[in-house]
Amino acid sequence: MKVSELIKSLRAAKDMPQQSLSEKSGVPLATVRGIEQDKRQPSWATLQRLAKALGASLGDFDGCDLAEERATPKKVKRKARPYKFDASINSPRQKATGN
């Protein structure tokens, strides 16, 4: 079972909304959502906090292999912006020399 599925099922078994899990564990809501949607992998410290808030032990996560489930980060392609030079704007050097 994936870590994301286990956390979601433990939370659902306790009838706990994500917001409550976030507040009880001290883990940001966006992180909880990301973990449950399998977009993020929890750090060891985050996993401990979530397990404690869910009343689970870290032993419950023994069947989950974190190393194989690492979410691949999305590569963001950004468009290159052309550099526009505006000759009408004087640089500080030009102002000082009067050129």
C-alpha atoms as a PDB file:
ATOM      1  CA  MET A   1       0.000   0.000   0.000  1.00  0.00           C
ATOM      2  CA  LYS A   2       1.191   3.516  -0.736  1.00  0.00           C
ATOM      3  CA  VAL A   3       1.811   5.963   2.089  1.00  0.00           C
ATOM      4  CA  SER A   4      -0.792   8.280   0.559  1.00  0.00           C
ATOM      5  CA  GLU A   5      -3.449   5.554   0.592  1.00  0.00           C
ATOM      6  CA  LEU A   6      -2.639   4.512   4.159  1.00  0.00           C
ATOM      7  CA  ILE A   7      -2.814   8.045   5.537  1.00  0.00           C
ATOM      8  CA  LYS A   8      -6.072   8.674   3.695  1.00  0.00           C
ATOM      9  CA  SER A   9      -7.619   5.418   4.945  1.00  0.00           C
ATOM     10  CA  LEU A  10      -6.507   6.034   8.554  1.00  0.00           C
ATOM     11  CA  ARG A  11      -7.963   9.536   8.395  1.00  0.00           C
ATOM     12  CA  ALA A  12     -11.221   8.273   6.868  1.00  0.00           C
ATOM     13  CA  ALA A  13     -11.504   5.549   9.520  1.00  0.00           C
ATOM     14  CA  LYS A  14     -11.423   8.255  12.187  1.00  0.00           C
ATOM     15  CA  ASP A  15     -13.901  10.367  10.196  1.00  0.00           C
ATOM     16  CA  MET A  16     -11.383  13.213  10.338  1.00  0.00           C
ATOM     17  CA  PRO A  17     -11.312  15.935   7.661  1.00  0.00           C
ATOM     18  CA  GLN A  18      -7.978  17.004   6.239  1.00  0.00           C
ATOM     19  CA  GLN A  19      -8.272  20.339   8.030  1.00  0.00           C
ATOM     20  CA  SER A  20      -8.557  18.599  11.413  1.00  0.00           C
ATOM     21  CA  LEU A  21      -5.578  16.364  10.654  1.00  0.00           C
ATOM     22  CA  SER A  22      -3.596  19.442   9.688  1.00  0.00           C
ATOM     23  CA  GLU A  23      -4.473  21.255  12.903  1.00  0.00           C
ATOM     24  CA  LYS A  24      -3.930  18.240  15.144  1.00  0.00           C
ATOM     25  CA  SER A  25      -0.573  17.308  13.602  1.00  0.00           C
ATOM     26  CA  GLY A  26       0.765  20.802  12.934  1.00  0.00           C
ATOM     27  CA  VAL A  27       1.395  19.845   9.299  1.00  0.00           C
ATOM     28  CA  PRO A  28       0.229  22.489   6.789  1.00  0.00           C
ATOM     29  CA  LEU A  29      -3.035  21.654   5.041  1.00  0.00           C
ATOM     30  CA  ALA A  30      -1.409  21.933   1.610  1.00  0.00           C
ATOM     31  CA  THR A  31       1.145  19.316   2.662  1.00  0.00           C
ATOM     32  CA  VAL A  32      -1.549  16.934   3.920  1.00  0.00           C
ATOM     33  CA  ARG A  33      -3.434  17.315   0.638  1.00  0.00           C
ATOM     34  CA  GLY A  34      -0.275  16.837  -1.404  1.00  0.00           C
ATOM     35  CA  ILE A  35       0.606  13.653   0.478  1.00  0.00           C
ATOM     36  CA  GLU A  36      -2.878  12.196   0.101  1.00  0.00           C
ATOM     37  CA  GLN A  37      -2.943  13.042  -3.610  1.00  0.00           C
ATOM     38  CA  ASP A  38       0.438  11.309  -3.971  1.00  0.00           C
ATOM     39  CA  LYS A  39       2.060  14.519  -5.176  1.00  0.00           C
ATOM     40  CA  ARG A  40       4.373  14.768  -2.162  1.00  0.00           C
ATOM     41  CA  GLN A  41       6.238  12.321   0.015  1.00  0.00           C
ATOM     42  CA  PRO A  42       6.313  13.050   3.733  1.00  0.00           C
ATOM     43  CA  SER A  43       9.609  13.525   5.502  1.00  0.00           C
ATOM     44  CA  TRP A  44      10.296  11.252   8.441  1.00  0.00           C
ATOM     45  CA  ALA A  45       9.345  14.027  10.888  1.00  0.00           C
ATOM     46  CA  THR A  46       6.093  14.756   9.031  1.00  0.00           C
ATOM     47  CA  LEU A  47       5.216  11.062   8.954  1.00  0.00           C
ATOM     48  CA  GLN A  48       5.747  10.865  12.724  1.00  0.00           C
ATOM     49  CA  ARG A  49       3.501  13.878  13.317  1.00  0.00           C
ATOM     50  CA  LEU A  50       0.756  12.530  11.064  1.00  0.00           C
ATOM     51  CA  ALA A  51       0.931   9.059  12.634  1.00  0.00           C
ATOM     52  CA  LYS A  52       0.651  10.533  16.135  1.00  0.00           C
ATOM     53  CA  ALA A  53      -2.329  12.701  15.124  1.00  0.00           C
ATOM     54  CA  LEU A  54      -4.029   9.667  13.587  1.00  0.00           C
ATOM     55  CA  GLY A  55      -3.383   7.505  16.643  1.00  0.00           C
ATOM     56  CA  ALA A  56      -1.210   5.169  14.578  1.00  0.00           C
ATOM     57  CA  SER A  57       2.287   3.893  15.165  1.00  0.00           C
ATOM     58  CA  LEU A  58       5.166   4.114  12.729  1.00  0.00           C
ATOM     59  CA  GLY A  59       4.989   0.319  12.601  1.00  0.00           C
ATOM     60  CA  ASP A  60       1.725   0.698  10.684  1.00  0.00           C
ATOM     61  CA  PHE A  61       3.799   2.184   7.848  1.00  0.00           C
ATOM     62  CA  ASP A  62       6.236  -0.744   7.668  1.00  0.00           C
ATOM     63  CA  GLY A  63       4.602  -2.149   4.535  1.00  0.00           C
ATOM     64  CA  CYS A  64       5.052   1.154   2.726  1.00  0.00           C
ATOM     65  CA  ASP A  65       8.273   1.705   0.848  1.00  0.00           C
ATOM     66  CA  LEU A  66       8.990   5.424   0.765  1.00  0.00           C
ATOM     67  CA  ALA A  67      12.053   5.114  -1.451  1.00  0.00           C
ATOM     68  CA  GLU A  68      10.146   3.589  -4.368  1.00  0.00           C
ATOM     69  CA  GLU A  69       7.226   5.999  -4.150  1.00  0.00           C
ATOM     70  CA  ARG A  70       9.096   9.272  -4.437  1.00  0.00           C
ATOM     71  CA  ALA A  71       6.967  11.673  -6.385  1.00  0.00           C
ATOM     72  CA  THR A  72       8.801  13.042  -9.369  1.00  0.00           C
ATOM     73  CA  PRO A  73       8.972  16.811  -9.321  1.00  0.00           C
ATOM     74  CA  LYS A  74       7.314  18.576 -12.182  1.00  0.00           C
ATOM     75  CA  LYS A  75       9.655  20.420 -14.469  1.00  0.00           C
ATOM     76  CA  VAL A  76       8.370  23.856 -15.212  1.00  0.00           C
ATOM     77  CA  LYS A  77       9.281  25.142 -18.624  1.00  0.00           C
ATOM     78  CA  ARG A  78       9.404  28.863 -18.723  1.00  0.00           C
ATOM     79  CA  LYS A  79       9.320  30.918 -21.838  1.00  0.00           C
ATOM     80  CA  ALA A  80      12.412  32.959 -22.423  1.00  0.00           C
ATOM     81  CA  ARG A  81      11.637  36.624 -22.202  1.00  0.00           C
ATOM     82  CA  PRO A  82      13.383  38.778 -24.738  1.00  0.00           C
ATOM     83  CA  TYR A  83      15.530  41.479 -23.238  1.00  0.00           C
ATOM     84  CA  LYS A  84      14.305  44.895 -24.229  1.00  0.00           C
ATOM     85  CA  PHE A  85      16.734  47.752 -24.074  1.00  0.00           C
ATOM     86  CA  ASP A  86      15.212  51.167 -23.777  1.00  0.00           C
ATOM     87  CA  ALA A  87      17.749  53.780 -24.874  1.00  0.00           C
ATOM     88  CA  SER A  88      15.526  56.600 -23.646  1.00  0.00           C
ATOM     89  CA  ILE A  89      16.151  55.625 -20.020  1.00  0.00           C
ATOM     90  CA  ASN A  90      19.339  57.132 -18.704  1.00  0.00           C
ATOM     91  CA  SER A  91      21.526  54.982 -16.528  1.00  0.00           C
ATOM     92  CA  PRO A  92      22.892  56.435 -13.265  1.00  0.00           C
ATOM     93  CA  ARG A  93      26.336  56.756 -14.922  1.00  0.00           C
ATOM     94  CA  GLN A  94      24.876  58.822 -17.769  1.00  0.00           C
ATOM     95  CA  LYS A  95      23.066  61.116 -15.333  1.00  0.00           C
ATOM     96  CA  ALA A  96      26.232  61.748 -13.332  1.00  0.00           C
ATOM     97  CA  THR A  97      28.338  62.602 -16.369  1.00  0.00           C
ATOM     98  CA  GLY A  98      25.580  64.339 -18.254  1.00  0.00           C
ATOM     99  CA  ASN A  99      25.974  62.157 -21.364  1.00  0.00           C
END
